[in-house]
Each structure stands twice: as C-alpha cells, then as structure tokens.
Amino acid sequence: MTMTDITANFHGGNPMSNAAYKSTPKQIRARQKSQVYRLIQTSGQNGRNCDEIEQLTGLPHQSASARMTELKKEGLIIASLYKRKTRSGRNAQVWVAA
C-alpha cells in the first residue's frame, strides 16, 4: 500500500514533511483530525485559527497545521472572512466548518 501525502501541494513534497506524515500512524492522524474538526465545528461562526487549535489540543504546530490542511482539502472547513491575532501578535486566518 502506497501512502500519499495529501499535503504535498502545500509543502512542495518536502522530504521531512513526507517522512513525518508517513511516521505518524493512521489512527493518530484520524484522531487528531477528528479533534481539530470538532473544535472548529463547535465554534460556529466564530471559527478557529491554527494557533487556537494548537492551544486547545496541545498539538504541535506541525500536526495542527497538517490536520487543518487535510480538512481543507476534503472540503470540511473553509476560510471565513476574518483573521485573529495569534500569540505572536500576527494575524491568522479563521476557519469555519463548511
């Protein structure tokens, strides 16, 4: 069975990103993705940005971002019209359930 990194178009097929994707068991990725989706879905119109997801789940940025990329690609979340500040003070896209 060949594992395809569905985020390859976003990180250009970076070998380290590919290795990280392949080294994370499918069940863990699925659990993380479900957790991220549930937090976005239950936030309603307020949505969540990646930094908020990281804080709420304890996931490292790379994992939270990867799961959000998967959800975007699957059409389960979409960009809202809003951005919110992150802990670093930068604006970040807010995502809502599709």
PDB file of N, CA and C in Angstrom:
ATOM      1  N   MET A   1       0.837  -1.175   0.000  1.00  0.00           N
ATOM      2  CA  MET A   1       0.000   0.000   0.000  1.00  0.00           C
ATOM      3  C   MET A   1       0.885   1.241   0.000  1.00  0.00           C
ATOM      4  N   THR A   2       0.615   2.160  -0.907  1.00  0.00           N
ATOM      5  CA  THR A   2       1.379   3.386  -1.014  1.00  0.00           C
ATOM      6  C   THR A   2       0.697   4.472  -0.216  1.00  0.00           C
ATOM      7  N   MET A   3       1.466   5.177   0.610  1.00  0.00           N
ATOM      8  CA  MET A   3       0.924   6.290   1.369  1.00  0.00           C
ATOM      9  C   MET A   3       1.134   7.559   0.564  1.00  0.00           C
ATOM     10  N   THR A   4       0.090   8.291   0.339  1.00  0.00           N
ATOM     11  CA  THR A   4       0.167   9.537  -0.398  1.00  0.00           C
ATOM     12  C   THR A   4       0.015  10.684   0.577  1.00  0.00           C
ATOM     13  N   ASP A   5       0.932  11.622   0.493  1.00  0.00           N
ATOM     14  CA  ASP A   5       0.869  12.801   1.341  1.00  0.00           C
ATOM     15  C   ASP A   5      -0.044  13.803   0.656  1.00  0.00           C
ATOM     16  N   ILE A   6      -1.268  13.965   1.170  1.00  0.00           N
ATOM     17  CA  ILE A   6      -2.225  14.853   0.523  1.00  0.00           C
ATOM     18  C   ILE A   6      -1.849  16.313   0.699  1.00  0.00           C
ATOM     19  N   THR A   7      -0.863  16.598   1.524  1.00  0.00           N
ATOM     20  CA  THR A   7      -0.438  17.985   1.715  1.00  0.00           C
ATOM     21  C   THR A   7       0.762  18.334   0.846  1.00  0.00           C
ATOM     22  N   ALA A   8       1.172  17.443  -0.042  1.00  0.00           N
ATOM     23  CA  ALA A   8       2.367  17.664  -0.867  1.00  0.00           C
ATOM     24  C   ALA A   8       2.291  18.952  -1.669  1.00  0.00           C
ATOM     25  N   ASN A   9       1.119  19.308  -2.155  1.00  0.00           N
ATOM     26  CA  ASN A   9       0.991  20.550  -2.919  1.00  0.00           C
ATOM     27  C   ASN A   9       1.178  21.785  -2.053  1.00  0.00           C
ATOM     28  N   PHE A  10       1.064  21.631  -0.748  1.00  0.00           N
ATOM     29  CA  PHE A  10       1.196  22.776   0.142  1.00  0.00           C
ATOM     30  C   PHE A  10       2.621  22.939   0.646  1.00  0.00           C
ATOM     31  N   HIS A  11       3.355  21.839   0.814  1.00  0.00           N
ATOM     32  CA  HIS A  11       4.732  21.963   1.276  1.00  0.00           C
ATOM     33  C   HIS A  11       5.727  21.533   0.213  1.00  0.00           C
ATOM     34  N   GLY A  12       5.265  21.380  -1.012  1.00  0.00           N
ATOM     35  CA  GLY A  12       6.156  21.093  -2.125  1.00  0.00           C
ATOM     36  C   GLY A  12       6.794  19.723  -2.079  1.00  0.00           C
ATOM     37  N   GLY A  13       6.213  18.803  -1.339  1.00  0.00           N
ATOM     38  CA  GLY A  13       6.790  17.469  -1.271  1.00  0.00           C
ATOM     39  C   GLY A  13       8.071  17.432  -0.450  1.00  0.00           C
ATOM     40  N   ASN A  14       8.203  18.347   0.488  1.00  0.00           N
ATOM     41  CA  ASN A  14       9.384  18.405   1.350  1.00  0.00           C
ATOM     42  C   ASN A  14       9.644  17.026   1.952  1.00  0.00           C
ATOM     43  N   PRO A  15      10.865  16.485   1.777  1.00  0.00           N
ATOM     44  CA  PRO A  15      11.162  15.133   2.282  1.00  0.00           C
ATOM     45  C   PRO A  15      10.906  14.960   3.781  1.00  0.00           C
ATOM     46  N   MET A  16      11.188  15.989   4.583  1.00  0.00           N
ATOM     47  CA  MET A  16      10.967  15.868   6.029  1.00  0.00           C
ATOM     48  C   MET A  16       9.475  15.847   6.348  1.00  0.00           C
ATOM     49  N   SER A  17       8.687  16.639   5.606  1.00  0.00           N
ATOM     50  CA  SER A  17       7.238  16.616   5.813  1.00  0.00           C
ATOM     51  C   SER A  17       6.661  15.270   5.398  1.00  0.00           C
ATOM     52  N   ASN A  18       7.158  14.734   4.291  1.00  0.00           N
ATOM     53  CA  ASN A  18       6.714  13.408   3.853  1.00  0.00           C
ATOM     54  C   ASN A  18       7.044  12.347   4.887  1.00  0.00           C
ATOM     55  N   ALA A  19       8.255  12.415   5.430  1.00  0.00           N
ATOM     56  CA  ALA A  19       8.676  11.435   6.437  1.00  0.00           C
ATOM     57  C   ALA A  19       7.815  11.550   7.691  1.00  0.00           C
ATOM     58  N   ALA A  20       7.522  12.776   8.108  1.00  0.00           N
ATOM     59  CA  ALA A  20       6.693  12.975   9.298  1.00  0.00           C
ATOM     60  C   ALA A  20       5.296  12.407   9.082  1.00  0.00           C
ATOM     61  N   TYR A  21       4.729  12.657   7.910  1.00  0.00           N
ATOM     62  CA  TYR A  21       3.399  12.140   7.585  1.00  0.00           C
ATOM     63  C   TYR A  21       3.401  10.611   7.648  1.00  0.00           C
ATOM     64  N   LYS A  22       4.396  10.000   7.024  1.00  0.00           N
ATOM     65  CA  LYS A  22       4.465   8.537   6.975  1.00  0.00           C
ATOM     66  C   LYS A  22       4.750   7.920   8.343  1.00  0.00           C
ATOM     67  N   SER A  23       5.430   8.665   9.214  1.00  0.00           N
ATOM     68  CA  SER A  23       5.797   8.096  10.514  1.00  0.00           C
ATOM     69  C   SER A  23       4.678   8.213  11.549  1.00  0.00           C
ATOM     70  N   THR A  24       3.658   8.995  11.244  1.00  0.00           N
ATOM     71  CA  THR A  24       2.540   9.138  12.178  1.00  0.00           C
ATOM     72  C   THR A  24       1.483   8.099  11.834  1.00  0.00           C
ATOM     73  N   PRO A  25       1.178   7.206  12.771  1.00  0.00           N
ATOM     74  CA  PRO A  25       0.176   6.165  12.484  1.00  0.00           C
ATOM     75  C   PRO A  25      -1.160   6.758  12.045  1.00  0.00           C
ATOM     76  N   LYS A  26      -1.793   6.056  11.122  1.00  0.00           N
ATOM     77  CA  LYS A  26      -3.064   6.496  10.547  1.00  0.00           C
ATOM     78  C   LYS A  26      -4.106   6.764  11.634  1.00  0.00           C
ATOM     79  N   GLN A  27      -4.148   5.932  12.664  1.00  0.00           N
ATOM     80  CA  GLN A  27      -5.139   6.092  13.726  1.00  0.00           C
ATOM     81  C   GLN A  27      -4.909   7.399  14.492  1.00  0.00           C
ATOM     82  N   ILE A  28      -3.662   7.762  14.688  1.00  0.00           N
ATOM     83  CA  ILE A  28      -3.352   9.008  15.394  1.00  0.00           C
ATOM     84  C   ILE A  28      -3.743  10.203  14.539  1.00  0.00           C
ATOM     85  N   ARG A  29      -3.414  10.146  13.242  1.00  0.00           N
ATOM     86  CA  ARG A  29      -3.797  11.237  12.347  1.00  0.00           C
ATOM     87  C   ARG A  29      -5.320  11.391  12.324  1.00  0.00           C
ATOM     88  N   ALA A  30      -6.032  10.286  12.269  1.00  0.00           N
ATOM     89  CA  ALA A  30      -7.501  10.319  12.238  1.00  0.00           C
ATOM     90  C   ALA A  30      -8.057  10.914  13.528  1.00  0.00           C
ATOM     91  N   ARG A  31      -7.503  10.533  14.657  1.00  0.00           N
ATOM     92  CA  ARG A  31      -7.963  11.064  15.946  1.00  0.00           C
ATOM     93  C   ARG A  31      -7.695  12.565  16.037  1.00  0.00           C
ATOM     94  N   GLN A  32      -6.508  12.985  15.612  1.00  0.00           N
ATOM     95  CA  GLN A  32      -6.172  14.403  15.627  1.00  0.00           C
ATOM     96  C   GLN A  32      -7.103  15.193  14.709  1.00  0.00           C
ATOM     97  N   LYS A  33      -7.336  14.665  13.518  1.00  0.00           N
ATOM     98  CA  LYS A  33      -8.189  15.355  12.554  1.00  0.00           C
ATOM     99  C   LYS A  33      -9.609  15.491  13.097  1.00  0.00           C
ATOM    100  N   SER A  34     -10.113  14.446  13.718  1.00  0.00           N
ATOM    101  CA  SER A  34     -11.446  14.487  14.309  1.00  0.00           C
ATOM    102  C   SER A  34     -11.511  15.531  15.421  1.00  0.00           C
ATOM    103  N   GLN A  35     -10.491  15.580  16.235  1.00  0.00           N
ATOM    104  CA  GLN A  35     -10.430  16.537  17.339  1.00  0.00           C
ATOM    105  C   GLN A  35     -10.409  17.976  16.802  1.00  0.00           C
ATOM    106  N   VAL A  36      -9.590  18.221  15.799  1.00  0.00           N
ATOM    107  CA  VAL A  36      -9.488  19.555  15.205  1.00  0.00           C
ATOM    108  C   VAL A  36     -10.826  19.942  14.573  1.00  0.00           C
ATOM    109  N   TYR A  37     -11.415  19.033  13.820  1.00  0.00           N
ATOM    110  CA  TYR A  37     -12.694  19.328  13.167  1.00  0.00           C
ATOM    111  C   TYR A  37     -13.774  19.644  14.193  1.00  0.00           C
ATOM    112  N   ARG A  38     -13.844  18.856  15.243  1.00  0.00           N
ATOM    113  CA  ARG A  38     -14.860  19.055  16.281  1.00  0.00           C
ATOM    114  C   ARG A  38     -14.718  20.454  16.907  1.00  0.00           C
ATOM    115  N   LEU A  39     -13.481  20.886  17.158  1.00  0.00           N
ATOM    116  CA  LEU A  39     -13.274  22.210  17.744  1.00  0.00           C
ATOM    117  C   LEU A  39     -13.703  23.321  16.793  1.00  0.00           C
ATOM    118  N   ILE A  40     -13.445  23.135  15.521  1.00  0.00           N
ATOM    119  CA  ILE A  40     -13.857  24.148  14.542  1.00  0.00           C
ATOM    120  C   ILE A  40     -15.374  24.126  14.373  1.00  0.00           C
ATOM    121  N   GLN A  41     -15.922  22.938  14.271  1.00  0.00           N
ATOM    122  CA  GLN A  41     -17.366  22.789  14.060  1.00  0.00           C
ATOM    123  C   GLN A  41     -18.161  23.378  15.229  1.00  0.00           C
ATOM    124  N   THR A  42     -17.733  23.123  16.443  1.00  0.00           N
ATOM    125  CA  THR A  42     -18.478  23.591  17.612  1.00  0.00           C
ATOM    126  C   THR A  42     -18.255  25.071  17.903  1.00  0.00           C
ATOM    127  N   SER A  43     -17.315  25.688  17.203  1.00  0.00           N
ATOM    128  CA  SER A  43     -17.065  27.120  17.419  1.00  0.00           C
ATOM    129  C   SER A  43     -18.053  27.988  16.643  1.00  0.00           C
ATOM    130  N   GLY A  44     -18.841  27.356  15.772  1.00  0.00           N
ATOM    131  CA  GLY A  44     -19.843  28.082  14.995  1.00  0.00           C
ATOM    132  C   GLY A  44     -19.220  29.137  14.100  1.00  0.00           C
ATOM    133  N   GLN A  45     -19.866  30.294  14.034  1.00  0.00           N
ATOM    134  CA  GLN A  45     -19.393  31.369  13.161  1.00  0.00           C
ATOM    135  C   GLN A  45     -18.113  32.017  13.662  1.00  0.00           C
ATOM    136  N   ASN A  46     -17.771  31.786  14.925  1.00  0.00           N
ATOM    137  CA  ASN A  46     -16.527  32.348  15.467  1.00  0.00           C
ATOM    138  C   ASN A  46     -15.304  31.681  14.858  1.00  0.00           C
ATOM    139  N   GLY A  47     -15.430  30.406  14.516  1.00  0.00           N
ATOM    140  CA  GLY A  47     -14.323  29.668  13.925  1.00  0.00           C
ATOM    141  C   GLY A  47     -13.113  29.578  14.829  1.00  0.00           C
ATOM    142  N   ARG A  48     -12.040  29.071  14.266  1.00  0.00           N
ATOM    143  CA  ARG A  48     -10.773  28.926  14.997  1.00  0.00           C
ATOM    144  C   ARG A  48      -9.633  29.158  14.022  1.00  0.00           C
ATOM    145  N   ASN A  49      -8.537  29.692  14.529  1.00  0.00           N
ATOM    146  CA  ASN A  49      -7.318  29.728  13.715  1.00  0.00           C
ATOM    147  C   ASN A  49      -6.386  28.619  14.208  1.00  0.00           C
ATOM    148  N   CYS A  50      -5.336  28.389  13.491  1.00  0.00           N
ATOM    149  CA  CYS A  50      -4.440  27.273  13.823  1.00  0.00           C
ATOM    150  C   CYS A  50      -3.819  27.439  15.209  1.00  0.00           C
ATOM    151  N   ASP A  51      -3.460  28.657  15.571  1.00  0.00           N
ATOM    152  CA  ASP A  51      -2.867  28.897  16.886  1.00  0.00           C
ATOM    153  C   ASP A  51      -3.838  28.515  18.002  1.00  0.00           C
ATOM    154  N   GLU A  52      -5.118  28.828  17.816  1.00  0.00           N
ATOM    155  CA  GLU A  52      -6.121  28.461  18.816  1.00  0.00           C
ATOM    156  C   GLU A  52      -6.266  26.949  18.911  1.00  0.00           C
ATOM    157  N   ILE A  53      -6.217  26.283  17.767  1.00  0.00           N
ATOM    158  CA  ILE A  53      -6.291  24.816  17.756  1.00  0.00           C
ATOM    159  C   ILE A  53      -5.103  24.230  18.518  1.00  0.00           C
ATOM    160  N   GLU A  54      -3.931  24.771  18.285  1.00  0.00           N
ATOM    161  CA  GLU A  54      -2.736  24.295  18.998  1.00  0.00           C
ATOM    162  C   GLU A  54      -2.912  24.434  20.504  1.00  0.00           C
ATOM    163  N   GLN A  55      -3.417  25.590  20.941  1.00  0.00           N
ATOM    164  CA  GLN A  55      -3.592  25.830  22.373  1.00  0.00           C
ATOM    165  C   GLN A  55      -4.637  24.902  22.984  1.00  0.00           C
ATOM    166  N   LEU A  56      -5.728  24.682  22.271  1.00  0.00           N
ATOM    167  CA  LEU A  56      -6.812  23.864  22.799  1.00  0.00           C
ATOM    168  C   LEU A  56      -6.502  22.377  22.811  1.00  0.00           C
ATOM    169  N   THR A  57      -5.714  21.919  21.846  1.00  0.00           N
ATOM    170  CA  THR A  57      -5.431  20.485  21.737  1.00  0.00           C
ATOM    171  C   THR A  57      -4.093  20.079  22.335  1.00  0.00           C
ATOM    172  N   GLY A  58      -3.175  21.031  22.414  1.00  0.00           N
ATOM    173  CA  GLY A  58      -1.816  20.694  22.838  1.00  0.00           C
ATOM    174  C   GLY A  58      -0.985  20.118  21.711  1.00  0.00           C
ATOM    175  N   LEU A  59      -1.552  20.089  20.498  1.00  0.00           N
ATOM    176  CA  LEU A  59      -0.800  19.571  19.349  1.00  0.00           C
ATOM    177  C   LEU A  59       0.292  20.556  18.961  1.00  0.00           C
ATOM    178  N   PRO A  60       1.433  20.047  18.505  1.00  0.00           N
ATOM    179  CA  PRO A  60       2.443  20.954  17.972  1.00  0.00           C
ATOM    180  C   PRO A  60       1.923  21.600  16.690  1.00  0.00           C
ATOM    181  N   HIS A  61       2.485  22.744  16.342  1.00  0.00           N
ATOM    182  CA  HIS A  61       2.027  23.470  15.160  1.00  0.00           C
ATOM    183  C   HIS A  61       1.998  22.579  13.918  1.00  0.00           C
ATOM    184  N   GLN A  62       3.041  21.794  13.717  1.00  0.00           N
ATOM    185  CA  GLN A  62       3.130  20.977  12.509  1.00  0.00           C
ATOM    186  C   GLN A  62       1.970  20.001  12.403  1.00  0.00           C
ATOM    187  N   SER A  63       1.571  19.411  13.506  1.00  0.00           N
ATOM    188  CA  SER A  63       0.458  18.453  13.493  1.00  0.00           C
ATOM    189  C   SER A  63      -0.876  19.166  13.303  1.00  0.00           C
ATOM    190  N   ALA A  64      -1.089  20.264  14.037  1.00  0.00           N
ATOM    191  CA  ALA A  64      -2.344  21.001  13.911  1.00  0.00           C
ATOM    192  C   ALA A  64      -2.509  21.523  12.492  1.00  0.00           C
ATOM    193  N   SER A  65      -1.452  22.087  11.955  1.00  0.00           N
ATOM    194  CA  SER A  65      -1.492  22.637  10.597  1.00  0.00           C
ATOM    195  C   SER A  65      -1.760  21.544   9.565  1.00  0.00           C
ATOM    196  N   ALA A  66      -1.120  20.398   9.730  1.00  0.00           N
ATOM    197  CA  ALA A  66      -1.308  19.286   8.794  1.00  0.00           C
ATOM    198  C   ALA A  66      -2.747  18.781   8.819  1.00  0.00           C
ATOM    199  N   ARG A  67      -3.317  18.647  10.012  1.00  0.00           N
ATOM    200  CA  ARG A  67      -4.695  18.173  10.103  1.00  0.00           C
ATOM    201  C   ARG A  67      -5.659  19.196   9.500  1.00  0.00           C
ATOM    202  N   MET A  68      -5.390  20.479   9.706  1.00  0.00           N
ATOM    203  CA  MET A  68      -6.243  21.509   9.114  1.00  0.00           C
ATOM    204  C   MET A  68      -6.120  21.494   7.596  1.00  0.00           C
ATOM    205  N   THR A  69      -4.931  21.265   7.084  1.00  0.00           N
ATOM    206  CA  THR A  69      -4.741  21.171   5.635  1.00  0.00           C
ATOM    207  C   THR A  69      -5.546  20.007   5.074  1.00  0.00           C
ATOM    208  N   GLU A  70      -5.554  18.882   5.773  1.00  0.00           N
ATOM    209  CA  GLU A  70      -6.347  17.740   5.328  1.00  0.00           C
ATOM    210  C   GLU A  70      -7.838  18.086   5.309  1.00  0.00           C
ATOM    211  N   LEU A  71      -8.303  18.751   6.364  1.00  0.00           N
ATOM    212  CA  LEU A  71      -9.716  19.138   6.441  1.00  0.00           C
ATOM    213  C   LEU A  71     -10.086  20.116   5.337  1.00  0.00           C
ATOM    214  N   LYS A  72      -9.177  21.042   5.025  1.00  0.00           N
ATOM    215  CA  LYS A  72      -9.420  21.997   3.925  1.00  0.00           C
ATOM    216  C   LYS A  72      -9.517  21.250   2.601  1.00  0.00           C
ATOM    217  N   LYS A  73      -8.580  20.362   2.372  1.00  0.00           N
ATOM    218  CA  LYS A  73      -8.540  19.620   1.106  1.00  0.00           C
ATOM    219  C   LYS A  73      -9.793  18.759   0.935  1.00  0.00           C
ATOM    220  N   GLU A  74     -10.320  18.249   2.041  1.00  0.00           N
ATOM    221  CA  GLU A  74     -11.532  17.420   1.999  1.00  0.00           C
ATOM    222  C   GLU A  74     -12.804  18.269   1.950  1.00  0.00           C
ATOM    223  N   GLY A  75     -12.655  19.582   2.023  1.00  0.00           N
ATOM    224  CA  GLY A  75     -13.803  20.478   1.951  1.00  0.00           C
ATOM    225  C   GLY A  75     -14.623  20.545   3.227  1.00  0.00           C
ATOM    226  N   LEU A  76     -14.051  20.103   4.350  1.00  0.00           N
ATOM    227  CA  LEU A  76     -14.793  20.102   5.609  1.00  0.00           C
ATOM    228  C   LEU A  76     -14.702  21.431   6.342  1.00  0.00           C
ATOM    229  N   ILE A  77     -13.647  22.201   6.071  1.00  0.00           N
ATOM    230  CA  ILE A  77     -13.537  23.533   6.642  1.00  0.00           C
ATOM    231  C   ILE A  77     -13.227  24.519   5.521  1.00  0.00           C
ATOM    232  N   ILE A  78     -13.663  25.756   5.729  1.00  0.00           N
ATOM    233  CA  ILE A  78     -13.428  26.811   4.746  1.00  0.00           C
ATOM    234  C   ILE A  78     -12.964  28.076   5.464  1.00  0.00           C
ATOM    235  N   ALA A  79     -12.281  28.916   4.729  1.00  0.00           N
ATOM    236  CA  ALA A  79     -11.824  30.179   5.286  1.00  0.00           C
ATOM    237  C   ALA A  79     -13.015  31.093   5.545  1.00  0.00           C
ATOM    238  N   SER A  80     -13.037  31.719   6.703  1.00  0.00           N
ATOM    239  CA  SER A  80     -14.058  32.730   6.990  1.00  0.00           C
ATOM    240  C   SER A  80     -13.553  34.062   6.444  1.00  0.00           C
ATOM    241  N   LEU A  81     -14.308  35.082   6.653  1.00  0.00           N
ATOM    242  CA  LEU A  81     -13.893  36.417   6.213  1.00  0.00           C
ATOM    243  C   LEU A  81     -12.959  37.078   7.222  1.00  0.00           C
ATOM    244  N   TYR A  82     -12.675  36.390   8.324  1.00  0.00           N
ATOM    245  CA  TYR A  82     -11.961  37.006   9.442  1.00  0.00           C
ATOM    246  C   TYR A  82     -10.568  36.427   9.672  1.00  0.00           C
ATOM    247  N   LYS A  83      -9.772  37.245  10.341  1.00  0.00           N
ATOM    248  CA  LYS A  83      -8.464  36.836  10.835  1.00  0.00           C
ATOM    249  C   LYS A  83      -8.417  37.264  12.299  1.00  0.00           C
ATOM    250  N   ARG A  84      -7.660  36.515  13.106  1.00  0.00           N
ATOM    251  CA  ARG A  84      -7.475  36.881  14.514  1.00  0.00           C
ATOM    252  C   ARG A  84      -5.999  36.798  14.849  1.00  0.00           C
ATOM    253  N   LYS A  85      -5.628  37.551  15.855  1.00  0.00           N
ATOM    254  CA  LYS A  85      -4.238  37.573  16.301  1.00  0.00           C
ATOM    255  C   LYS A  85      -3.854  36.236  16.935  1.00  0.00           C
ATOM    256  N   THR A  86      -2.616  35.845  16.685  1.00  0.00           N
ATOM    257  CA  THR A  86      -2.045  34.664  17.332  1.00  0.00           C
ATOM    258  C   THR A  86      -1.302  35.112  18.586  1.00  0.00           C
ATOM    259  N   ARG A  87      -0.723  34.164  19.297  1.00  0.00           N
ATOM    260  CA  ARG A  87       0.073  34.506  20.481  1.00  0.00           C
ATOM    261  C   ARG A  87       1.252  35.394  20.131  1.00  0.00           C
ATOM    262  N   SER A  88       1.738  35.295  18.902  1.00  0.00           N
ATOM    263  CA  SER A  88       2.872  36.126  18.483  1.00  0.00           C
ATOM    264  C   SER A  88       2.426  37.503  17.997  1.00  0.00           C
ATOM    265  N   GLY A  89       1.102  37.735  17.968  1.00  0.00           N
ATOM    266  CA  GLY A  89       0.581  39.027  17.558  1.00  0.00           C
ATOM    267  C   GLY A  89       0.325  39.159  16.063  1.00  0.00           C
ATOM    268  N   ARG A  90       0.546  38.087  15.315  1.00  0.00           N
ATOM    269  CA  ARG A  90       0.297  38.122  13.876  1.00  0.00           C
ATOM    270  C   ARG A  90      -1.149  37.723  13.580  1.00  0.00           C
ATOM    271  N   ASN A  91      -1.658  38.202  12.466  1.00  0.00           N
ATOM    272  CA  ASN A  91      -2.995  37.814  12.039  1.00  0.00           C
ATOM    273  C   ASN A  91      -2.969  36.423  11.431  1.00  0.00           C
ATOM    274  N   ALA A  92      -3.976  35.626  11.758  1.00  0.00           N
ATOM    275  CA  ALA A  92      -4.085  34.276  11.204  1.00  0.00           C
ATOM    276  C   ALA A  92      -5.508  34.047  10.704  1.00  0.00           C
ATOM    277  N   GLN A  93      -5.617  33.326   9.625  1.00  0.00           N
ATOM    278  CA  GLN A  93      -6.915  33.017   9.023  1.00  0.00           C
ATOM    279  C   GLN A  93      -7.782  32.246  10.018  1.00  0.00           C
ATOM    280  N   VAL A  94      -9.040  32.620  10.091  1.00  0.00           N
ATOM    281  CA  VAL A  94     -10.023  31.902  10.909  1.00  0.00           C
ATOM    282  C   VAL A  94     -10.779  30.963   9.995  1.00  0.00           C
ATOM    283  N   TRP A  95     -10.947  29.722  10.437  1.00  0.00           N
ATOM    284  CA  TRP A  95     -11.597  28.664   9.652  1.00  0.00           C
ATOM    285  C   TRP A  95     -12.894  28.261  10.324  1.00  0.00           C
ATOM    286  N   VAL A  96     -13.892  27.957   9.491  1.00  0.00           N
ATOM    287  CA  VAL A  96     -15.195  27.502   9.985  1.00  0.00           C
ATOM    288  C   VAL A  96     -15.564  26.194   9.278  1.00  0.00           C
ATOM    289  N   ALA A  97     -16.509  25.475   9.864  1.00  0.00           N
ATOM    290  CA  ALA A  97     -16.988  24.242   9.227  1.00  0.00           C
ATOM    291  C   ALA A  97     -17.746  24.600   7.960  1.00  0.00           C
ATOM    292  N   ALA A  98     -17.568  23.790   6.931  1.00  0.00           N
ATOM    293  CA  ALA A  98     -18.237  24.042   5.640  1.00  0.00           C
ATOM    294  C   ALA A  98     -19.715  23.726   5.743  1.00  0.00           C
TER     295      ALA A  98
END
